[in-house]
C-alpha cells in the first residue's frame, strides 16, 4: 500500500505488520544489486521510487511464501506498475473520486476507464455504488476483456498442474450490496473505522474475502451467477453480488480494523487531535461529516471555552481552494498551514524526505492556502480581514530578530487579527497549537514576543481553553508527519 505515513516499511506488510528493518535492508539490497547487474547499459537507469518498492514487495512476498497478497495500485490502474499481475484471485474498485487528474484525466469517466484497467479475463471483480456514467464505463471495461490463453499453475481458471486453459471471454463485474443487507435479523455489524463511507469499503471487503474463501473450498457464502453477454439486468447496469451471512472471523475483522491516519482520534488531555488524510473533494466531504459527528456534536465544556483549529496542507495538482471551501462550515477559530516537513531540517528522518519538493516551493503553496482561506472567510462573513500581500517564500526563509522563527508571515499592516497562520514546519505548528498542553510536545518559545497579532492572542486562547479540537487533514504525508511527532513509537 502507499503512501507510508512514518516509515517506508509500512508499505510492505506480512500478517498486518511492516516487515522488520533487517528484512527490509536484506531485500532492498538484494533487489537493488540484481537490477544494477542486469540493467541495459545504453538505457542505464533504476526504476523510480514507487516502481522499485513494488518490485521489492513482490520479491518479498515470493521469498517469504505468503499465502495471499493484497496489492493496492499506486495511481489509476491501467498503466500502474502493480498491474503486471496477470491472474489475480479477485479485483476490487472502491468509490471513485477526482484525483491525480494530470495522469488519470479530469472526469470521473476517464478515471473509471483507468481504474477498470486492472480487470482480467475470467477474474471476478467487484465495485461499490458509483455514479451512473462511471459505472457504465467500468461495465464496458469488464466486458471488453477478450479471450486470453494463460499458462500457469493454480491461477484463476487455470487447473492445478499447469498447462493452458481457456478463460472466460470477459471479466464478470458485480456491484456490492449495501452493508445493511448483510446485517439482516442478526446483530448490526460494528466497524472499527468511523465514518459512513467506511460502510461502503466494508461491503467491498466482504465480497473480496468471500471470493478468496470460496476459491479455497468454503461453502455456504453465496454463489455468483453467470450473466451471459447481452442479458438484460432488470434495469441495472451491473448485477448485484449475493448477500451472505458473514463468518465470525469476518465480523471480528470488521470490528477490529485499525487504519492509522484515517478517522483517527488521539485524545491528549485538553487537546484532542482528529486525523484524516483526505485530499479529494469526496474524501474531504466524508471527513467533514465524520469530524462534525466525532467532535462538533459534543457539548461545549461548561468550565471554559472550546477552540477549533484546522491544520492543512495539500500537494500535487489538487485544487486546494475547492478543498478548503468544504472545510469552512466547520467554523474553525484558526487555520494553520505548513509544509509536510516534520522539521525545517529533515536529516533526522529520511523516510519523510521528498526530494522532488523544495522547502521554498512548499512554503509558497502554504502562503497561497493562507490567502485562499482568508478570502473564503471574507466571502462567507462579509468581513474585511487582513489580507497579506502576495509573497514568495524565498524572502521569508532568513530569520530576523523581529520575525523570529515561529511564523513565516509578515506582521499585520492593520491591527485586525487574521485567523490563518503559516509555519515553516510541523514541529513548530504543533507546538503553537498545543501550547505545552500535550505532554508529547514541548511548549513553544518566544510566542508572546512575536509581532503577528493572531499568534500572540491565539496562544492565550489555546492555553486557557477547556478543550482544543484540532482537525489534521489534506495530505497523507502531513498526517504522517503529525503522527510521527505525536506518537514517537511509530518511528521505532
Protein backbone atom coordinates (compact mmCIF):
# COMPACT_ATOMS: atom_id res chain seq x y z
CA UNK A 1 0.00 0.00 0.00
CA UNK A 2 1.07 3.62 -0.38
CA UNK A 3 1.98 6.12 0.74
CA UNK A 4 3.61 5.34 4.06
CA UNK A 5 2.91 7.64 6.99
CA UNK A 6 6.05 7.43 9.10
CA UNK A 7 8.35 4.68 7.82
CA UNK A 8 8.73 3.22 4.34
CA UNK A 9 8.46 -0.32 5.77
CA UNK A 10 4.72 0.30 6.25
CA UNK A 11 4.28 -0.26 2.50
CA UNK A 12 5.28 -3.94 2.71
CA UNK A 13 3.50 -5.86 5.46
CA UNK A 14 3.24 -9.51 6.39
CA UNK A 15 0.39 -10.58 8.67
CA UNK A 16 -0.52 -6.92 9.06
CA UNK A 17 2.89 -5.84 10.39
CA UNK A 18 5.52 -3.84 8.49
CA UNK A 19 8.47 -6.07 7.66
CA UNK A 20 11.41 -5.71 10.04
CA UNK A 21 14.29 -3.32 9.40
CA UNK A 22 16.53 -6.35 8.90
CA UNK A 23 14.25 -7.91 6.26
CA UNK A 24 13.77 -4.57 4.54
CA UNK A 25 17.52 -3.98 4.33
CA UNK A 26 18.18 -7.53 3.16
CA UNK A 27 15.65 -7.46 0.34
CA UNK A 28 16.35 -3.86 -0.64
CA UNK A 29 19.99 -4.56 -1.41
CA UNK A 30 19.23 -7.92 -2.99
CA UNK A 31 16.79 -6.33 -5.45
CA UNK A 32 18.94 -3.24 -5.97
CA UNK A 33 22.09 -5.23 -6.76
CA UNK A 34 20.21 -7.62 -9.06
CA UNK A 35 18.79 -4.70 -11.03
CA UNK A 36 22.17 -2.98 -11.11
CA UNK A 37 23.81 -6.11 -12.52
CA UNK A 38 21.19 -6.71 -15.23
CA UNK A 39 20.17 -3.24 -16.40
CA UNK A 40 20.60 -2.35 -20.05
CA UNK A 41 23.79 -0.20 -20.32
CA UNK A 42 22.54 2.04 -23.17
CA UNK A 43 19.48 2.97 -21.09
CA UNK A 44 21.04 2.62 -17.68
CA UNK A 45 18.57 3.76 -15.05
CA UNK A 46 16.99 2.27 -11.97
CA UNK A 47 13.21 2.05 -11.55
CA UNK A 48 11.60 5.09 -9.96
CA UNK A 49 10.80 5.06 -6.24
CA UNK A 50 7.31 3.50 -6.34
CA UNK A 51 8.25 1.01 -9.06
CA UNK A 52 11.30 -0.14 -7.15
CA UNK A 53 9.27 -0.68 -3.99
CA UNK A 54 6.63 -2.57 -5.99
CA UNK A 55 9.27 -4.93 -7.44
CA UNK A 56 10.71 -5.33 -3.97
CA UNK A 57 7.29 -6.07 -2.43
CA UNK A 58 6.60 -8.83 -4.97
CA UNK A 59 10.04 -10.31 -4.28
CA UNK A 60 9.44 -10.21 -0.52
CA UNK A 61 6.06 -11.93 -0.87
CA UNK A 62 7.53 -14.65 -3.07
CA UNK A 63 10.57 -15.27 -0.87
CA UNK A 64 8.54 -15.24 2.35
CA UNK A 65 5.96 -17.57 0.74
CA UNK A 66 2.84 -15.62 1.67
CA UNK A 67 -0.49 -17.37 1.09
CA UNK A 68 -2.30 -14.24 -0.08
CA UNK A 69 -1.08 -10.82 -1.18
CA UNK A 70 -3.41 -7.82 -1.09
CA UNK A 71 -1.99 -5.24 -3.51
CA UNK A 72 -3.18 -1.64 -3.72
CA UNK A 73 -2.49 0.12 -7.02
CA UNK A 74 -0.40 3.27 -6.90
CA UNK A 75 -2.23 5.63 -9.26
CA UNK A 76 -5.08 4.60 -11.53
CA UNK A 77 -4.70 1.02 -12.61
CA UNK A 78 -4.35 0.52 -16.35
CA UNK A 79 -0.76 1.75 -16.54
CA UNK A 80 0.19 1.31 -12.89
CA UNK A 81 3.23 -0.86 -12.27
CA UNK A 82 1.25 -3.10 -9.90
CA UNK A 83 -0.84 -4.17 -12.91
CA UNK A 84 1.67 -6.78 -14.06
CA UNK A 85 -0.30 -9.38 -12.08
CA UNK A 86 -1.83 -11.47 -14.87
CA UNK A 87 -4.25 -13.68 -12.96
CA UNK A 88 -5.27 -12.28 -9.57
CA UNK A 89 -7.85 -14.11 -7.49
CA UNK A 90 -10.20 -11.13 -7.48
CA UNK A 91 -10.21 -7.39 -8.22
CA UNK A 92 -12.00 -4.62 -6.34
CA UNK A 93 -12.65 -0.95 -7.08
CA UNK A 94 -13.80 1.29 -4.25
CA UNK A 95 -15.66 4.58 -4.55
CA UNK A 96 -14.24 6.72 -7.36
CA UNK A 97 -13.09 10.29 -6.82
CA UNK A 98 -11.41 13.08 -8.76
CA UNK A 99 -7.67 12.84 -8.08
CA UNK A 100 -4.36 12.78 -9.98
CA UNK A 101 -6.12 14.49 -12.89
CA UNK A 102 -2.89 15.24 -14.77
CA UNK A 103 -2.32 11.49 -15.08
CA UNK A 104 -5.78 9.91 -15.00
CA UNK A 105 -7.93 12.55 -16.67
CA UNK A 106 -10.21 15.30 -15.47
CA UNK A 107 -13.57 13.49 -15.47
CA UNK A 108 -14.98 10.58 -13.49
CA UNK A 109 -15.47 8.65 -16.74
CA UNK A 110 -11.79 8.96 -17.68
CA UNK A 111 -10.73 7.95 -14.18
CA UNK A 112 -13.13 4.96 -14.26
CA UNK A 113 -11.50 3.84 -17.54
CA UNK A 114 -8.09 3.90 -15.87
CA UNK A 115 -9.33 2.07 -12.78
CA UNK A 116 -11.01 -0.61 -14.89
CA UNK A 117 -7.61 -1.41 -16.37
CA UNK A 118 -6.98 -3.86 -13.54
CA UNK A 119 -9.79 -6.17 -14.72
CA UNK A 120 -8.56 -9.51 -16.06
CA UNK A 121 -10.27 -12.14 -18.25
CA UNK A 122 -12.30 -14.56 -16.18
CA UNK A 123 -11.37 -12.92 -12.88
CA UNK A 124 -14.37 -11.76 -10.83
CA UNK A 125 -14.38 -8.06 -10.00
CA UNK A 126 -16.45 -6.04 -7.55
CA UNK A 127 -17.24 -2.39 -7.14
CA UNK A 128 -19.45 -0.27 -4.92
CA UNK A 129 -22.19 2.21 -5.77
CA UNK A 130 -20.86 4.70 -8.34
CA UNK A 131 -22.43 7.48 -10.41
CA UNK A 132 -24.25 6.08 -13.46
CA UNK A 133 -21.81 7.04 -16.23
CA UNK A 134 -18.59 5.96 -14.47
CA UNK A 135 -20.29 2.68 -13.55
CA UNK A 136 -21.15 2.12 -17.20
CA UNK A 137 -17.50 2.73 -18.10
CA UNK A 138 -16.44 0.09 -15.56
CA UNK A 139 -19.01 -2.32 -17.00
CA UNK A 140 -17.74 -1.73 -20.55
CA UNK A 141 -14.13 -2.20 -19.45
CA UNK A 142 -15.09 -5.51 -17.84
CA UNK A 143 -16.91 -6.72 -20.96
CA UNK A 144 -14.09 -5.85 -23.32
CA UNK A 145 -11.69 -8.29 -21.65
CA UNK A 146 -11.10 -10.67 -24.53
CA UNK A 147 -10.48 -14.43 -24.58
CA UNK A 148 -7.00 -15.00 -23.28
CA UNK A 149 -4.75 -18.03 -23.09
CA UNK A 150 -2.74 -18.19 -19.90
CA UNK A 151 -0.03 -20.63 -18.94
CA UNK A 152 0.50 -21.21 -15.27
CA UNK A 153 -0.20 -23.25 -12.19
CA UNK A 154 -3.16 -22.65 -9.97
CA UNK A 155 -4.18 -19.28 -11.43
CA UNK A 156 -7.84 -18.29 -11.52
CA UNK A 157 -9.50 -20.51 -14.13
CA UNK A 158 -6.27 -22.49 -14.53
CA UNK A 159 -6.26 -26.08 -13.24
CA UNK A 160 -3.58 -27.13 -10.77
CA UNK A 161 -0.72 -28.79 -12.56
CA UNK A 162 -0.20 -26.03 -15.09
CA UNK A 163 -0.86 -26.13 -18.80
CA UNK A 164 -3.02 -23.92 -20.95
CA UNK A 165 -6.60 -23.05 -20.10
CA UNK A 166 -9.21 -21.02 -21.94
CA UNK A 167 -10.57 -18.31 -19.68
CA UNK A 168 -14.00 -16.73 -19.71
CA UNK A 169 -14.38 -14.22 -22.57
CA UNK A 170 -14.98 -11.37 -20.15
CA UNK A 171 -14.40 -10.23 -16.62
CA UNK A 172 -17.55 -10.75 -14.54
CA UNK A 173 -18.21 -7.46 -12.71
CA UNK A 174 -20.59 -7.30 -9.75
CA UNK A 175 -21.99 -4.50 -7.62
CA UNK A 176 -21.64 -4.93 -3.85
CA UNK A 177 -24.92 -4.81 -1.91
CA UNK A 178 -25.05 -2.21 0.86
CA UNK A 179 -23.64 -3.33 4.20
CA UNK A 180 -27.15 -3.11 5.71
CA UNK A 181 -28.12 -6.14 3.61
CA UNK A 182 -25.56 -8.30 5.44
CA UNK A 183 -26.95 -7.48 8.87
CA UNK A 184 -30.40 -8.95 8.35
CA UNK A 185 -32.10 -10.06 11.54
CA UNK A 186 -28.91 -10.61 13.49
CA UNK A 187 -26.69 -8.15 15.25
CA UNK A 188 -25.58 -5.00 13.42
CA UNK A 189 -22.04 -5.13 12.04
CA UNK A 190 -19.69 -2.96 14.08
CA UNK A 191 -16.88 -1.21 12.20
CA UNK A 192 -13.54 -0.32 13.73
CA UNK A 193 -13.28 2.58 11.28
CA UNK A 194 -15.51 5.61 11.80
CA UNK A 195 -17.37 7.41 9.03
CA UNK A 196 -20.33 6.42 6.87
CA UNK A 197 -18.07 5.99 3.83
CA UNK A 198 -16.32 3.07 5.54
CA UNK A 199 -19.52 1.02 5.26
CA UNK A 200 -19.02 1.01 1.50
CA UNK A 201 -15.41 -0.15 1.94
CA UNK A 202 -16.55 -2.86 4.36
CA UNK A 203 -19.13 -4.18 1.88
CA UNK A 204 -16.39 -4.44 -0.75
CA UNK A 205 -14.03 -6.16 1.69
CA UNK A 206 -16.66 -8.80 2.47
CA UNK A 207 -17.04 -9.71 -1.21
CA UNK A 208 -13.28 -9.90 -1.76
CA UNK A 209 -12.88 -12.13 1.31
CA UNK A 210 -15.79 -14.34 0.23
CA UNK A 211 -14.19 -14.85 -3.20
CA UNK A 212 -10.91 -15.95 -1.63
CA UNK A 213 -12.67 -18.32 0.78
CA UNK A 214 -14.74 -19.90 -1.99
CA UNK A 215 -11.57 -20.37 -4.01
CA UNK A 216 -10.30 -22.44 -1.09
CA UNK A 217 -13.37 -24.63 -0.78
CA UNK A 218 -15.51 -22.76 1.75
CA UNK A 219 -19.22 -23.32 1.08
CA UNK A 220 -22.43 -21.52 2.00
CA UNK A 221 -21.22 -17.99 1.33
CA UNK A 222 -23.48 -17.24 -1.64
CA UNK A 223 -22.89 -18.12 -5.26
CA UNK A 224 -22.10 -15.72 -8.06
CA UNK A 225 -24.44 -16.04 -11.01
CA UNK A 226 -23.13 -16.22 -14.56
CA UNK A 227 -24.54 -13.37 -16.63
CA UNK A 228 -24.49 -14.19 -20.36
CA UNK A 229 -23.38 -11.31 -22.63
CA UNK A 230 -26.28 -9.13 -23.71
CA UNK A 231 -28.58 -10.30 -20.91
CA UNK A 232 -30.88 -7.59 -19.55
CA UNK A 233 -30.14 -6.81 -15.92
CA UNK A 234 -33.60 -5.68 -14.84
CA UNK A 235 -32.68 -2.04 -15.16
CA UNK A 236 -29.28 -2.43 -13.52
CA UNK A 237 -26.04 -1.64 -15.31
CA UNK A 238 -24.14 -4.22 -13.24
CA UNK A 239 -25.58 -7.31 -11.46
CA UNK A 240 -25.68 -7.40 -7.67
CA UNK A 241 -23.37 -9.81 -5.88
CA UNK A 242 -25.08 -12.24 -3.49
CA UNK A 243 -25.74 -11.39 0.13
CA UNK A 244 -24.46 -13.92 2.66
CA UNK A 245 -24.11 -14.23 6.41
CA UNK A 246 -20.61 -13.02 7.39
CA UNK A 247 -18.49 -15.56 9.24
CA UNK A 248 -17.39 -14.90 12.83
CA UNK A 249 -13.90 -14.09 11.53
CA UNK A 250 -15.31 -11.51 9.10
CA UNK A 251 -17.36 -9.89 11.87
CA UNK A 252 -14.27 -9.71 14.07
CA UNK A 253 -12.16 -8.39 11.21
CA UNK A 254 -14.55 -5.52 10.52
CA UNK A 255 -14.75 -4.70 14.22
CA UNK A 256 -11.00 -4.80 14.91
CA UNK A 257 -9.75 -2.99 11.80
CA UNK A 258 -7.45 -0.07 12.50
CA UNK A 259 -6.12 2.38 9.93
CA UNK A 260 -3.67 5.00 11.11
CA UNK A 261 -4.28 8.47 9.78
CA UNK A 262 -7.88 7.81 8.71
CA UNK A 263 -10.68 8.99 11.01
CA UNK A 264 -8.23 8.58 13.88
CA UNK A 265 -8.77 10.31 17.24
CA UNK A 266 -5.89 10.98 19.64
CA UNK A 267 -7.13 12.47 22.95
CA UNK A 268 -4.37 14.20 24.91
CA UNK A 269 -6.00 15.86 27.90
CA UNK A 270 -7.49 19.20 26.86
CA UNK A 271 -6.13 18.79 23.30
CA UNK A 272 -7.80 16.24 21.01
CA UNK A 273 -6.29 15.53 17.59
CA UNK A 274 -8.58 14.34 14.78
CA UNK A 275 -6.55 12.91 11.89
CA UNK A 276 -7.99 12.07 8.48
CA UNK A 277 -5.85 12.04 5.35
CA UNK A 278 -8.42 13.37 2.87
CA UNK A 279 -7.22 15.04 -0.32
CA UNK A 280 -10.11 14.89 -2.79
CA UNK A 281 -13.45 16.71 -2.70
CA UNK A 282 -15.35 13.49 -1.95
CA UNK A 283 -12.97 12.43 0.83
CA UNK A 284 -12.95 15.93 2.36
CA UNK A 285 -16.76 15.84 2.39
CA UNK A 286 -16.61 12.50 4.19
CA UNK A 287 -14.00 13.95 6.57
CA UNK A 288 -16.27 16.91 7.42
CA UNK A 289 -19.21 14.57 8.12
CA UNK A 290 -17.03 12.47 10.40
CA UNK A 291 -15.48 15.47 12.20
CA UNK A 292 -18.89 17.00 12.83
CA UNK A 293 -20.09 13.76 14.33
CA UNK A 294 -16.93 12.96 16.30
CA UNK A 295 -16.05 16.44 17.59
CA UNK A 296 -18.53 19.18 16.84
CA UNK A 297 -21.60 17.32 18.06
CA UNK A 298 -20.16 17.16 21.56
CA UNK A 299 -21.33 19.67 24.12
CA UNK A 300 -19.02 22.57 24.72
CA UNK A 301 -17.26 22.36 28.08
CA UNK A 302 -19.09 24.04 30.94
CA UNK A 303 -15.94 25.29 32.61
CA UNK A 304 -14.40 27.19 29.72
CA UNK A 305 -14.13 27.80 26.02
CA UNK A 306 -13.55 25.47 23.11
CA UNK A 307 -11.06 26.35 20.37
CA UNK A 308 -11.19 24.64 16.98
CA UNK A 309 -8.06 24.52 14.83
CA UNK A 310 -7.58 23.30 11.26
CA UNK A 311 -4.13 22.02 10.26
CA UNK A 312 -3.98 21.58 6.48
CA UNK A 313 -1.67 21.04 3.54
CA UNK A 314 -2.16 19.58 0.08
CA UNK A 315 0.33 18.62 -2.60
CA UNK A 316 0.43 17.83 -6.30
CA UNK A 317 -2.14 19.17 -8.75
CA UNK A 318 -5.02 19.27 -6.29
CA UNK A 319 -7.44 22.20 -6.25
CA UNK A 320 -6.80 23.34 -2.69
CA UNK A 321 -9.31 26.19 -2.93
CA UNK A 322 -12.10 23.68 -3.59
CA UNK A 323 -10.95 21.53 -0.66
CA UNK A 324 -10.67 24.46 1.76
CA UNK A 325 -14.12 25.74 0.79
CA UNK A 326 -15.63 22.47 2.02
CA UNK A 327 -13.93 22.94 5.41
CA UNK A 328 -15.23 26.47 6.10
CA UNK A 329 -18.58 25.31 7.59
CA UNK A 330 -16.73 23.64 10.49
CA UNK A 331 -16.19 27.15 11.93
CA UNK A 332 -12.52 26.88 12.86
CA UNK A 333 -11.11 29.58 15.10
CA UNK A 334 -7.69 29.19 13.48
CA UNK A 335 -6.40 27.65 10.28
CA UNK A 336 -2.76 26.61 10.33
CA UNK A 337 -0.83 25.84 7.15
CA UNK A 338 2.62 24.30 6.97
CA UNK A 339 4.65 22.02 4.68
CA UNK A 340 4.78 18.27 5.23
CA UNK A 341 8.30 18.58 6.68
CA UNK A 342 8.45 17.47 10.32
CA UNK A 343 11.36 19.82 10.96
CA UNK A 344 12.86 22.54 8.80
CA UNK A 345 15.86 20.20 8.58
CA UNK A 346 14.69 16.70 7.71
CA UNK A 347 18.04 15.00 8.21
CA UNK A 348 16.68 13.15 11.24
CA UNK A 349 14.04 11.23 9.29
CA UNK A 350 14.91 10.41 5.70
CA UNK A 351 11.77 8.29 5.29
CA UNK A 352 9.75 11.52 5.18
CA UNK A 353 12.02 13.43 2.81
CA UNK A 354 10.66 14.35 -0.61
CA UNK A 355 13.48 15.30 -2.93
CA UNK A 356 11.00 16.45 -5.58
CA UNK A 357 9.77 19.39 -3.47
CA UNK A 358 11.89 22.24 -2.14
CA UNK A 359 11.09 23.97 1.13
CA UNK A 360 10.66 27.24 -0.74
CA UNK A 361 8.07 25.78 -3.12
CA UNK A 362 6.21 24.09 -0.26
CA UNK A 363 6.06 27.32 1.74
CA UNK A 364 4.86 29.30 -1.27
CA UNK A 365 1.98 26.82 -1.56
CA UNK A 366 1.19 27.31 2.13
CA UNK A 367 1.10 31.09 1.72
CA UNK A 368 -1.32 30.66 -1.18
CA UNK A 369 -3.51 28.46 1.03
CA UNK A 370 -3.43 31.14 3.73
CA UNK A 371 -4.67 33.78 1.29
CA UNK A 372 -7.35 31.43 -0.04
CA UNK A 373 -8.66 30.68 3.46
CA UNK A 374 -8.77 34.36 4.39
CA UNK A 375 -10.62 35.15 1.17
CA UNK A 376 -13.14 32.35 1.80
CA UNK A 377 -13.86 33.73 5.26
CA UNK A 378 -14.25 37.20 3.83
CA UNK A 379 -16.74 35.94 1.24
CA UNK A 380 -18.65 33.95 3.85
CA UNK A 381 -18.95 36.61 6.52
CA UNK A 382 -18.61 39.86 4.60
CA UNK A 383 -15.69 40.68 6.86
CA UNK A 384 -12.65 42.70 5.97
CA UNK A 385 -9.85 40.62 7.46
CA UNK A 386 -6.20 41.35 6.98
CA UNK A 387 -5.03 40.07 3.60
CA UNK A 388 -1.26 39.80 3.25
CA UNK A 389 0.29 40.96 0.04
CA UNK A 390 1.30 38.16 -2.36
CA UNK A 391 4.61 36.70 -1.28
CA UNK A 392 7.15 34.15 -2.37
CA UNK A 393 8.53 32.06 0.43
CA UNK A 394 12.16 32.70 -0.53
CA UNK A 395 12.17 36.14 1.02
CA UNK A 396 10.93 34.74 4.33
CA UNK A 397 13.41 31.95 4.84
CA UNK A 398 16.03 34.09 6.59
CA UNK A 399 15.04 34.53 10.26
CA UNK A 400 15.27 38.04 11.67
CA UNK A 401 15.06 39.23 15.28
CA UNK A 402 11.75 40.96 14.55
CA UNK A 403 10.17 37.99 12.88
CA UNK A 404 11.68 35.21 14.93
CA UNK A 405 11.37 31.64 13.73
CA UNK A 406 7.77 30.92 14.68
CA UNK A 407 5.77 32.13 11.69
CA UNK A 408 6.66 32.71 8.08
CA UNK A 409 4.23 35.59 7.59
CA UNK A 410 4.79 39.34 7.74
CA UNK A 411 3.43 41.37 10.65
CA UNK A 412 -0.07 42.73 10.09
CA UNK A 413 -0.34 46.08 8.39
CA UNK A 414 -3.51 46.69 10.41
CA UNK A 415 -4.24 45.59 13.98
CA UNK A 416 -7.08 43.29 12.89
CA UNK A 417 -6.16 39.65 13.52
CA UNK A 418 -6.00 37.04 10.79
CA UNK A 419 -7.08 33.53 11.81
CA UNK A 420 -4.83 31.98 9.12
CA UNK A 421 -1.22 31.25 10.10
CA UNK A 422 1.73 29.74 8.25
CA UNK A 423 4.55 27.83 9.95
CA UNK A 424 7.81 26.60 8.41
CA UNK A 425 7.43 23.03 9.69
CA UNK A 426 5.10 20.68 11.53
CA UNK A 427 7.01 20.72 14.79
CA UNK A 428 6.58 24.48 15.19
CA UNK A 429 2.92 24.34 14.09
CA UNK A 430 2.05 21.60 16.59
CA UNK A 431 3.89 23.32 19.43
CA UNK A 432 1.94 26.50 18.83
CA UNK A 433 -1.39 24.67 18.68
CA UNK A 434 -0.72 22.59 21.81
CA UNK A 435 0.87 25.40 23.85
CA UNK A 436 2.60 22.87 26.08
CA UNK A 437 -0.66 21.10 26.97
CA UNK A 438 0.17 17.89 25.07
CA UNK A 439 2.84 16.01 27.07
CA UNK A 440 4.42 14.70 23.84
CA UNK A 441 5.09 18.23 22.57
CA UNK A 442 7.35 20.85 24.12
CA UNK A 443 5.95 24.30 24.73
CA UNK A 444 6.79 26.93 22.08
CA UNK A 445 9.38 29.57 22.88
CA UNK A 446 9.10 33.28 22.32
CA UNK A 447 5.44 33.20 21.34
CA UNK A 448 4.44 36.29 23.26
CA UNK A 449 7.08 38.45 21.61
CA UNK A 450 6.03 37.57 18.09
CA UNK A 451 4.71 40.58 16.16
CA UNK A 452 1.86 38.70 14.47
CA UNK A 453 -1.31 39.52 16.46
CA UNK A 454 -3.06 36.21 15.78
CA UNK A 455 -0.04 34.29 17.08
CA UNK A 456 0.04 36.01 20.45
CA UNK A 457 -3.72 36.32 21.03
CA UNK A 458 -4.29 32.77 19.77
CA UNK A 459 -1.64 31.44 22.14
CA UNK A 460 -3.54 32.90 25.08
CA UNK A 461 -6.83 31.36 23.92
CA UNK A 462 -5.23 27.97 23.34
CA UNK A 463 -3.57 27.96 26.76
CA UNK A 464 -6.80 28.86 28.57
CA UNK A 465 -9.35 26.83 26.57
CA UNK A 466 -11.02 23.93 28.34
CA UNK A 467 -10.98 21.97 25.07
CA UNK A 468 -8.87 22.31 21.93
CA UNK A 469 -10.09 20.28 18.95
CA UNK A 470 -7.62 20.00 16.08
CA UNK A 471 -8.53 18.56 12.67
CA UNK A 472 -5.49 17.45 10.67
CA UNK A 473 -6.45 16.77 7.08
CA UNK A 474 -5.29 17.05 3.48
CA UNK A 475 -2.05 15.33 2.52
CA UNK A 476 -1.40 11.89 3.97
CA UNK A 477 2.24 12.94 4.26
CA UNK A 478 1.12 15.77 6.53
CA UNK A 479 -0.86 13.31 8.65
CA UNK A 480 2.15 11.01 8.77
CA UNK A 481 4.40 13.81 9.98
CA UNK A 482 1.91 14.69 12.71
CA UNK A 483 1.70 11.03 13.80
CA UNK A 484 5.48 10.82 13.99
CA UNK A 485 5.56 13.77 16.39
CA UNK A 486 2.53 12.75 18.47
CA UNK A 487 3.43 9.05 18.68
CA UNK A 488 7.24 8.60 18.53
CA UNK A 489 6.84 4.82 18.95
CA UNK A 490 5.71 4.62 15.31
CA UNK A 491 9.27 5.54 14.30
CA UNK A 492 10.77 2.51 16.06
